[in-house]
Amino acid sequence: MAKPAPKGGKTKSSEEIFAGFQTLRSEQRQLANKISELEMDLNEHKIVIDTLKGVDGSRKCFRMVGGVLVERTVADVLPELEMNKERLPKALQALHEQLSRKGQEINEYIERHDIRVQKADRPPADDTPDQPTKSNVLVASG
């Protein structure tokens, strides 16, 4: 575990701390977007599999493979779709774990750099105005 920088040593500026925080939040959003995308893929796989199960196996169908539309038969495509459908929950679970770790990393970063996140539409909280405190305040819009 990394030790905080000594008080007399080189410390990060507020801009560097803010940039680091924004980077972590961006990575967290990317993970959440990927989870959402895979959940939609899983739902689409379920719908297509249910639809193809009632279709004759020799009937031709089209599937997008690497950006290319290929002609196959239902009998060829259905097992591939079922195999992909079985893999997706494992991938989703791994992404959920990564998202959880990223949240913990953000919380540790907030604690380490004494960051207080405030909403832009709320006035700042009245702490103790007589005592100056050294903290970083990030204002999130929306």
N, C-alpha and C. Protein backbone atom coordinates (compact mmCIF):
# COMPACT_ATOMS: atom_id res chain seq x y z
N MET A 1 0.85 -1.18 0.00
CA MET A 1 0.00 0.00 0.00
C MET A 1 0.88 1.24 0.00
N ALA A 2 0.57 2.21 -0.81
CA ALA A 2 1.37 3.42 -0.95
C ALA A 2 1.19 4.31 0.27
N LYS A 3 2.31 4.87 0.71
CA LYS A 3 2.26 5.79 1.85
C LYS A 3 1.99 7.19 1.33
N PRO A 4 1.26 8.01 2.12
CA PRO A 4 1.05 9.39 1.69
C PRO A 4 2.37 10.13 1.65
N ALA A 5 2.44 11.12 0.80
CA ALA A 5 3.66 11.89 0.65
C ALA A 5 3.96 12.65 1.94
N PRO A 6 5.22 12.74 2.32
CA PRO A 6 5.55 13.50 3.52
C PRO A 6 5.22 14.97 3.34
N LYS A 7 4.96 15.66 4.47
CA LYS A 7 4.53 17.05 4.40
C LYS A 7 5.59 17.95 3.80
N GLY A 8 6.85 17.65 4.02
CA GLY A 8 7.91 18.49 3.48
C GLY A 8 8.29 18.11 2.07
N GLY A 9 7.84 16.96 1.58
CA GLY A 9 8.23 16.45 0.27
C GLY A 9 7.36 17.01 -0.84
N LYS A 10 7.56 16.46 -2.00
CA LYS A 10 6.82 16.89 -3.18
C LYS A 10 5.39 16.35 -3.11
N THR A 11 4.41 17.24 -3.16
CA THR A 11 3.01 16.83 -3.13
C THR A 11 2.35 17.23 -4.44
N LYS A 12 1.23 16.62 -4.72
CA LYS A 12 0.50 16.92 -5.94
C LYS A 12 -0.24 18.24 -5.80
N SER A 13 -0.34 18.96 -6.91
CA SER A 13 -1.12 20.19 -6.90
C SER A 13 -2.60 19.82 -6.97
N SER A 14 -3.44 20.79 -6.69
CA SER A 14 -4.88 20.56 -6.74
C SER A 14 -5.32 20.12 -8.13
N GLU A 15 -4.69 20.69 -9.17
CA GLU A 15 -5.04 20.32 -10.53
C GLU A 15 -4.70 18.86 -10.82
N GLU A 16 -3.53 18.41 -10.32
CA GLU A 16 -3.12 17.02 -10.52
C GLU A 16 -4.05 16.07 -9.77
N ILE A 17 -4.43 16.44 -8.57
CA ILE A 17 -5.36 15.62 -7.79
C ILE A 17 -6.70 15.54 -8.50
N PHE A 18 -7.19 16.68 -8.98
CA PHE A 18 -8.46 16.70 -9.69
C PHE A 18 -8.39 15.86 -10.97
N ALA A 19 -7.29 15.98 -11.71
CA ALA A 19 -7.13 15.19 -12.94
C ALA A 19 -7.10 13.70 -12.62
N GLY A 20 -6.43 13.31 -11.55
CA GLY A 20 -6.40 11.91 -11.14
C GLY A 20 -7.79 11.41 -10.78
N PHE A 21 -8.54 12.24 -10.07
CA PHE A 21 -9.91 11.88 -9.69
C PHE A 21 -10.79 11.73 -10.93
N GLN A 22 -10.67 12.67 -11.85
CA GLN A 22 -11.46 12.61 -13.08
C GLN A 22 -11.12 11.36 -13.90
N THR A 23 -9.85 10.99 -13.93
CA THR A 23 -9.42 9.79 -14.65
C THR A 23 -10.06 8.55 -14.04
N LEU A 24 -10.03 8.45 -12.72
CA LEU A 24 -10.65 7.31 -12.04
C LEU A 24 -12.15 7.26 -12.31
N ARG A 25 -12.81 8.40 -12.26
CA ARG A 25 -14.26 8.43 -12.52
C ARG A 25 -14.55 8.04 -13.96
N SER A 26 -13.71 8.48 -14.89
CA SER A 26 -13.89 8.13 -16.30
C SER A 26 -13.74 6.62 -16.50
N GLU A 27 -12.75 6.02 -15.85
CA GLU A 27 -12.57 4.57 -15.94
C GLU A 27 -13.78 3.84 -15.35
N GLN A 28 -14.33 4.38 -14.26
CA GLN A 28 -15.50 3.78 -13.64
C GLN A 28 -16.70 3.85 -14.60
N ARG A 29 -16.89 4.98 -15.26
CA ARG A 29 -17.98 5.13 -16.22
C ARG A 29 -17.82 4.17 -17.41
N GLN A 30 -16.58 4.00 -17.88
CA GLN A 30 -16.34 3.09 -18.99
C GLN A 30 -16.70 1.65 -18.61
N LEU A 31 -16.36 1.25 -17.39
CA LEU A 31 -16.72 -0.08 -16.92
C LEU A 31 -18.24 -0.23 -16.86
N ALA A 32 -18.92 0.78 -16.34
CA ALA A 32 -20.38 0.72 -16.24
C ALA A 32 -21.01 0.66 -17.62
N ASN A 33 -20.47 1.39 -18.58
CA ASN A 33 -20.98 1.36 -19.95
C ASN A 33 -20.77 -0.01 -20.58
N LYS A 34 -19.62 -0.61 -20.33
CA LYS A 34 -19.34 -1.94 -20.88
C LYS A 34 -20.28 -2.98 -20.27
N ILE A 35 -20.56 -2.87 -18.98
CA ILE A 35 -21.51 -3.77 -18.33
C ILE A 35 -22.88 -3.63 -18.97
N SER A 36 -23.31 -2.41 -19.18
CA SER A 36 -24.60 -2.16 -19.81
C SER A 36 -24.65 -2.76 -21.21
N GLU A 37 -23.58 -2.58 -21.96
CA GLU A 37 -23.50 -3.12 -23.32
C GLU A 37 -23.59 -4.65 -23.33
N LEU A 38 -22.86 -5.30 -22.42
CA LEU A 38 -22.89 -6.76 -22.36
C LEU A 38 -24.24 -7.29 -21.90
N GLU A 39 -24.90 -6.56 -21.00
CA GLU A 39 -26.24 -6.97 -20.56
C GLU A 39 -27.22 -6.89 -21.73
N MET A 40 -27.09 -5.87 -22.56
CA MET A 40 -27.95 -5.78 -23.75
C MET A 40 -27.65 -6.91 -24.72
N ASP A 41 -26.35 -7.23 -24.89
CA ASP A 41 -25.98 -8.36 -25.75
C ASP A 41 -26.57 -9.67 -25.24
N LEU A 42 -26.54 -9.87 -23.94
CA LEU A 42 -27.09 -11.08 -23.36
C LEU A 42 -28.59 -11.17 -23.63
N ASN A 43 -29.30 -10.07 -23.46
CA ASN A 43 -30.74 -10.05 -23.75
C ASN A 43 -31.01 -10.33 -25.23
N GLU A 44 -30.21 -9.74 -26.11
CA GLU A 44 -30.37 -9.98 -27.54
C GLU A 44 -30.11 -11.44 -27.88
N HIS A 45 -29.08 -12.02 -27.28
CA HIS A 45 -28.79 -13.44 -27.51
C HIS A 45 -29.99 -14.30 -27.10
N LYS A 46 -30.57 -13.99 -25.94
CA LYS A 46 -31.73 -14.77 -25.46
C LYS A 46 -32.89 -14.68 -26.45
N ILE A 47 -33.16 -13.48 -26.94
CA ILE A 47 -34.27 -13.28 -27.87
C ILE A 47 -34.02 -14.03 -29.18
N VAL A 48 -32.82 -13.92 -29.72
CA VAL A 48 -32.49 -14.57 -30.99
C VAL A 48 -32.52 -16.09 -30.83
N ILE A 49 -31.99 -16.60 -29.74
CA ILE A 49 -31.99 -18.05 -29.50
C ILE A 49 -33.42 -18.57 -29.41
N ASP A 50 -34.25 -17.86 -28.65
CA ASP A 50 -35.66 -18.28 -28.53
C ASP A 50 -36.36 -18.26 -29.89
N THR A 51 -36.04 -17.28 -30.70
CA THR A 51 -36.64 -17.17 -32.03
C THR A 51 -36.15 -18.30 -32.94
N LEU A 52 -34.86 -18.57 -32.93
CA LEU A 52 -34.29 -19.57 -33.83
C LEU A 52 -34.64 -21.00 -33.44
N LYS A 53 -34.97 -21.25 -32.18
CA LYS A 53 -35.32 -22.60 -31.75
C LYS A 53 -36.56 -23.12 -32.47
N GLY A 54 -37.45 -22.24 -32.87
CA GLY A 54 -38.67 -22.64 -33.56
C GLY A 54 -38.53 -22.68 -35.08
N VAL A 55 -37.29 -22.52 -35.58
CA VAL A 55 -37.07 -22.43 -37.03
C VAL A 55 -36.34 -23.69 -37.50
N ASP A 56 -36.64 -24.11 -38.73
CA ASP A 56 -35.98 -25.27 -39.33
C ASP A 56 -34.47 -25.04 -39.40
N GLY A 57 -33.68 -26.03 -39.02
CA GLY A 57 -32.23 -25.92 -38.97
C GLY A 57 -31.57 -25.69 -40.31
N SER A 58 -32.22 -26.09 -41.40
CA SER A 58 -31.61 -25.91 -42.73
C SER A 58 -31.89 -24.54 -43.32
N ARG A 59 -32.71 -23.78 -42.65
CA ARG A 59 -33.05 -22.45 -43.16
C ARG A 59 -31.83 -21.53 -43.04
N LYS A 60 -31.64 -20.70 -44.06
CA LYS A 60 -30.47 -19.82 -44.01
C LYS A 60 -30.76 -18.60 -43.13
N CYS A 61 -29.69 -18.12 -42.50
CA CYS A 61 -29.79 -16.90 -41.69
C CYS A 61 -28.48 -16.14 -41.86
N PHE A 62 -28.47 -14.93 -41.40
CA PHE A 62 -27.29 -14.08 -41.55
C PHE A 62 -26.81 -13.66 -40.17
N ARG A 63 -25.48 -13.60 -40.05
CA ARG A 63 -24.88 -13.23 -38.77
C ARG A 63 -23.71 -12.30 -39.03
N MET A 64 -23.57 -11.31 -38.16
CA MET A 64 -22.46 -10.37 -38.27
C MET A 64 -21.25 -10.98 -37.56
N VAL A 65 -20.16 -11.18 -38.30
CA VAL A 65 -18.93 -11.72 -37.74
C VAL A 65 -17.80 -10.75 -38.06
N GLY A 66 -17.29 -10.09 -37.04
CA GLY A 66 -16.19 -9.16 -37.25
C GLY A 66 -16.52 -8.04 -38.22
N GLY A 67 -17.75 -7.55 -38.21
CA GLY A 67 -18.14 -6.47 -39.09
C GLY A 67 -18.55 -6.92 -40.48
N VAL A 68 -18.54 -8.23 -40.72
CA VAL A 68 -18.92 -8.77 -42.03
C VAL A 68 -20.18 -9.62 -41.86
N LEU A 69 -21.15 -9.40 -42.71
CA LEU A 69 -22.38 -10.17 -42.66
C LEU A 69 -22.16 -11.47 -43.43
N VAL A 70 -22.31 -12.61 -42.74
CA VAL A 70 -22.09 -13.90 -43.38
C VAL A 70 -23.38 -14.71 -43.40
N GLU A 71 -23.52 -15.49 -44.45
CA GLU A 71 -24.71 -16.34 -44.60
C GLU A 71 -24.38 -17.71 -44.03
N ARG A 72 -25.22 -18.20 -43.13
CA ARG A 72 -25.07 -19.51 -42.52
C ARG A 72 -26.43 -20.16 -42.45
N THR A 73 -26.48 -21.33 -41.84
CA THR A 73 -27.77 -21.96 -41.57
C THR A 73 -28.08 -21.82 -40.09
N VAL A 74 -29.33 -21.98 -39.75
CA VAL A 74 -29.75 -21.89 -38.35
C VAL A 74 -29.02 -22.95 -37.53
N ALA A 75 -28.83 -24.14 -38.09
CA ALA A 75 -28.14 -25.23 -37.39
C ALA A 75 -26.68 -24.86 -37.08
N ASP A 76 -26.05 -24.05 -37.91
CA ASP A 76 -24.68 -23.61 -37.65
C ASP A 76 -24.61 -22.49 -36.62
N VAL A 77 -25.56 -21.58 -36.69
CA VAL A 77 -25.52 -20.38 -35.86
C VAL A 77 -26.00 -20.63 -34.43
N LEU A 78 -27.02 -21.44 -34.28
CA LEU A 78 -27.65 -21.63 -32.96
C LEU A 78 -26.66 -22.12 -31.89
N PRO A 79 -25.82 -23.14 -32.16
CA PRO A 79 -24.87 -23.56 -31.12
C PRO A 79 -23.86 -22.47 -30.75
N GLU A 80 -23.44 -21.68 -31.73
CA GLU A 80 -22.50 -20.59 -31.45
C GLU A 80 -23.15 -19.55 -30.54
N LEU A 81 -24.41 -19.22 -30.83
CA LEU A 81 -25.12 -18.24 -30.01
C LEU A 81 -25.31 -18.75 -28.58
N GLU A 82 -25.64 -20.02 -28.45
CA GLU A 82 -25.83 -20.59 -27.11
C GLU A 82 -24.52 -20.60 -26.33
N MET A 83 -23.40 -20.88 -27.01
CA MET A 83 -22.10 -20.87 -26.34
C MET A 83 -21.75 -19.45 -25.90
N ASN A 84 -22.00 -18.46 -26.75
CA ASN A 84 -21.75 -17.06 -26.39
C ASN A 84 -22.62 -16.64 -25.22
N LYS A 85 -23.88 -17.09 -25.23
CA LYS A 85 -24.81 -16.74 -24.15
C LYS A 85 -24.33 -17.30 -22.81
N GLU A 86 -23.68 -18.46 -22.83
CA GLU A 86 -23.15 -19.06 -21.61
C GLU A 86 -21.92 -18.31 -21.10
N ARG A 87 -21.15 -17.71 -22.00
CA ARG A 87 -19.93 -16.99 -21.61
C ARG A 87 -20.22 -15.58 -21.07
N LEU A 88 -21.27 -14.97 -21.54
CA LEU A 88 -21.56 -13.58 -21.17
C LEU A 88 -21.72 -13.37 -19.67
N PRO A 89 -22.45 -14.23 -18.93
CA PRO A 89 -22.56 -13.99 -17.48
C PRO A 89 -21.21 -13.99 -16.75
N LYS A 90 -20.27 -14.82 -17.20
CA LYS A 90 -18.94 -14.84 -16.58
C LYS A 90 -18.22 -13.52 -16.84
N ALA A 91 -18.33 -13.02 -18.06
CA ALA A 91 -17.71 -11.74 -18.39
C ALA A 91 -18.36 -10.61 -17.60
N LEU A 92 -19.68 -10.66 -17.45
CA LEU A 92 -20.39 -9.64 -16.67
C LEU A 92 -19.95 -9.67 -15.21
N GLN A 93 -19.80 -10.86 -14.66
CA GLN A 93 -19.37 -10.98 -13.27
C GLN A 93 -17.97 -10.38 -13.08
N ALA A 94 -17.07 -10.66 -14.01
CA ALA A 94 -15.72 -10.10 -13.93
C ALA A 94 -15.76 -8.57 -14.01
N LEU A 95 -16.60 -8.03 -14.88
CA LEU A 95 -16.71 -6.57 -14.99
C LEU A 95 -17.32 -5.96 -13.73
N HIS A 96 -18.31 -6.63 -13.13
CA HIS A 96 -18.88 -6.14 -11.89
C HIS A 96 -17.82 -6.10 -10.78
N GLU A 97 -16.96 -7.10 -10.73
CA GLU A 97 -15.88 -7.12 -9.74
C GLU A 97 -14.90 -5.97 -9.99
N GLN A 98 -14.57 -5.73 -11.27
CA GLN A 98 -13.68 -4.62 -11.60
C GLN A 98 -14.31 -3.29 -11.21
N LEU A 99 -15.62 -3.16 -11.44
CA LEU A 99 -16.32 -1.93 -11.09
C LEU A 99 -16.29 -1.71 -9.58
N SER A 100 -16.47 -2.77 -8.83
CA SER A 100 -16.43 -2.68 -7.37
C SER A 100 -15.04 -2.26 -6.89
N ARG A 101 -14.00 -2.87 -7.48
CA ARG A 101 -12.63 -2.50 -7.11
C ARG A 101 -12.34 -1.04 -7.47
N LYS A 102 -12.87 -0.59 -8.62
CA LYS A 102 -12.64 0.79 -9.04
C LYS A 102 -13.31 1.75 -8.07
N GLY A 103 -14.50 1.39 -7.58
CA GLY A 103 -15.18 2.21 -6.58
C GLY A 103 -14.37 2.31 -5.30
N GLN A 104 -13.78 1.19 -4.87
CA GLN A 104 -12.94 1.20 -3.68
C GLN A 104 -11.70 2.07 -3.92
N GLU A 105 -11.13 1.96 -5.11
CA GLU A 105 -9.96 2.76 -5.45
C GLU A 105 -10.29 4.25 -5.41
N ILE A 106 -11.46 4.62 -5.91
CA ILE A 106 -11.88 6.03 -5.89
C ILE A 106 -12.06 6.49 -4.44
N ASN A 107 -12.70 5.67 -3.62
CA ASN A 107 -12.90 6.04 -2.21
C ASN A 107 -11.57 6.22 -1.49
N GLU A 108 -10.61 5.34 -1.76
CA GLU A 108 -9.28 5.48 -1.15
C GLU A 108 -8.60 6.76 -1.63
N TYR A 109 -8.75 7.07 -2.91
CA TYR A 109 -8.16 8.28 -3.47
C TYR A 109 -8.77 9.52 -2.80
N ILE A 110 -10.08 9.49 -2.60
CA ILE A 110 -10.77 10.60 -1.95
C ILE A 110 -10.25 10.78 -0.53
N GLU A 111 -10.11 9.68 0.20
CA GLU A 111 -9.60 9.77 1.58
C GLU A 111 -8.15 10.23 1.60
N ARG A 112 -7.34 9.68 0.73
CA ARG A 112 -5.91 9.99 0.72
C ARG A 112 -5.65 11.46 0.44
N HIS A 113 -6.47 12.06 -0.43
CA HIS A 113 -6.25 13.45 -0.82
C HIS A 113 -7.24 14.41 -0.16
N ASP A 114 -8.01 13.92 0.79
CA ASP A 114 -8.96 14.74 1.55
C ASP A 114 -9.87 15.54 0.61
N ILE A 115 -10.57 14.80 -0.25
CA ILE A 115 -11.45 15.42 -1.24
C ILE A 115 -12.87 15.40 -0.71
N ARG A 116 -13.55 16.52 -0.88
CA ARG A 116 -14.99 16.60 -0.56
C ARG A 116 -15.70 16.89 -1.87
N VAL A 117 -16.64 16.02 -2.24
CA VAL A 117 -17.39 16.19 -3.48
C VAL A 117 -18.69 16.89 -3.15
N GLN A 118 -18.97 17.99 -3.86
CA GLN A 118 -20.19 18.75 -3.63
C GLN A 118 -20.97 18.85 -4.93
N LYS A 119 -22.27 18.82 -4.83
CA LYS A 119 -23.12 19.03 -6.00
C LYS A 119 -23.15 20.53 -6.30
N ALA A 120 -23.21 20.89 -7.57
CA ALA A 120 -23.19 22.30 -7.95
C ALA A 120 -24.48 23.01 -7.57
N ASP A 121 -25.59 22.28 -7.50
CA ASP A 121 -26.87 22.93 -7.21
C ASP A 121 -27.12 23.13 -5.71
N ARG A 122 -26.21 22.62 -4.84
CA ARG A 122 -26.36 22.81 -3.40
C ARG A 122 -25.28 23.76 -2.89
N PRO A 123 -25.61 24.60 -1.91
CA PRO A 123 -24.57 25.45 -1.33
C PRO A 123 -23.62 24.60 -0.51
N PRO A 124 -22.36 25.02 -0.37
CA PRO A 124 -21.41 24.24 0.42
C PRO A 124 -21.87 24.16 1.88
N ALA A 125 -21.56 23.05 2.51
CA ALA A 125 -21.97 22.84 3.91
C ALA A 125 -21.16 23.76 4.82
N ASP A 126 -21.83 24.26 5.87
CA ASP A 126 -21.14 25.11 6.84
C ASP A 126 -20.43 24.22 7.84
N ASP A 127 -19.13 24.06 7.67
CA ASP A 127 -18.35 23.29 8.64
C ASP A 127 -18.04 24.23 9.79
N THR A 128 -16.82 24.47 10.03
CA THR A 128 -16.44 25.45 11.04
C THR A 128 -15.70 26.57 10.32
N PRO A 129 -16.37 27.67 10.04
CA PRO A 129 -15.76 28.73 9.25
C PRO A 129 -14.58 29.40 9.95
N ASP A 130 -14.50 29.31 11.28
CA ASP A 130 -13.41 29.95 12.00
C ASP A 130 -12.08 29.21 11.82
N GLN A 131 -12.16 27.88 11.56
CA GLN A 131 -10.94 27.10 11.44
C GLN A 131 -10.68 26.77 9.97
N PRO A 132 -9.57 27.25 9.44
CA PRO A 132 -9.25 26.91 8.06
C PRO A 132 -8.85 25.43 7.98
N THR A 133 -9.37 24.75 6.98
CA THR A 133 -9.02 23.35 6.80
C THR A 133 -8.38 23.19 5.44
N LYS A 134 -7.45 22.27 5.37
CA LYS A 134 -6.78 21.98 4.10
C LYS A 134 -7.46 20.78 3.48
N SER A 135 -8.27 21.04 2.46
CA SER A 135 -8.92 19.96 1.75
C SER A 135 -9.15 20.38 0.32
N ASN A 136 -9.38 19.40 -0.51
CA ASN A 136 -9.66 19.65 -1.91
C ASN A 136 -11.16 19.47 -2.10
N VAL A 137 -11.78 20.42 -2.78
CA VAL A 137 -13.20 20.36 -3.01
C VAL A 137 -13.44 20.25 -4.50
N LEU A 138 -14.17 19.22 -4.89
CA LEU A 138 -14.54 19.04 -6.29
C LEU A 138 -16.02 19.36 -6.40
N VAL A 139 -16.40 20.10 -7.40
CA VAL A 139 -17.79 20.43 -7.61
C VAL A 139 -18.25 19.71 -8.84
N ALA A 140 -19.26 18.86 -8.64
CA ALA A 140 -19.80 18.09 -9.76
C ALA A 140 -21.07 18.78 -10.26
N SER A 141 -21.15 18.96 -11.56
CA SER A 141 -22.34 19.58 -12.12
C SER A 141 -23.43 18.53 -12.28
N GLY A 142 -24.66 18.94 -12.06
CA GLY A 142 -25.78 18.05 -12.31
C GLY A 142 -26.11 17.25 -11.16
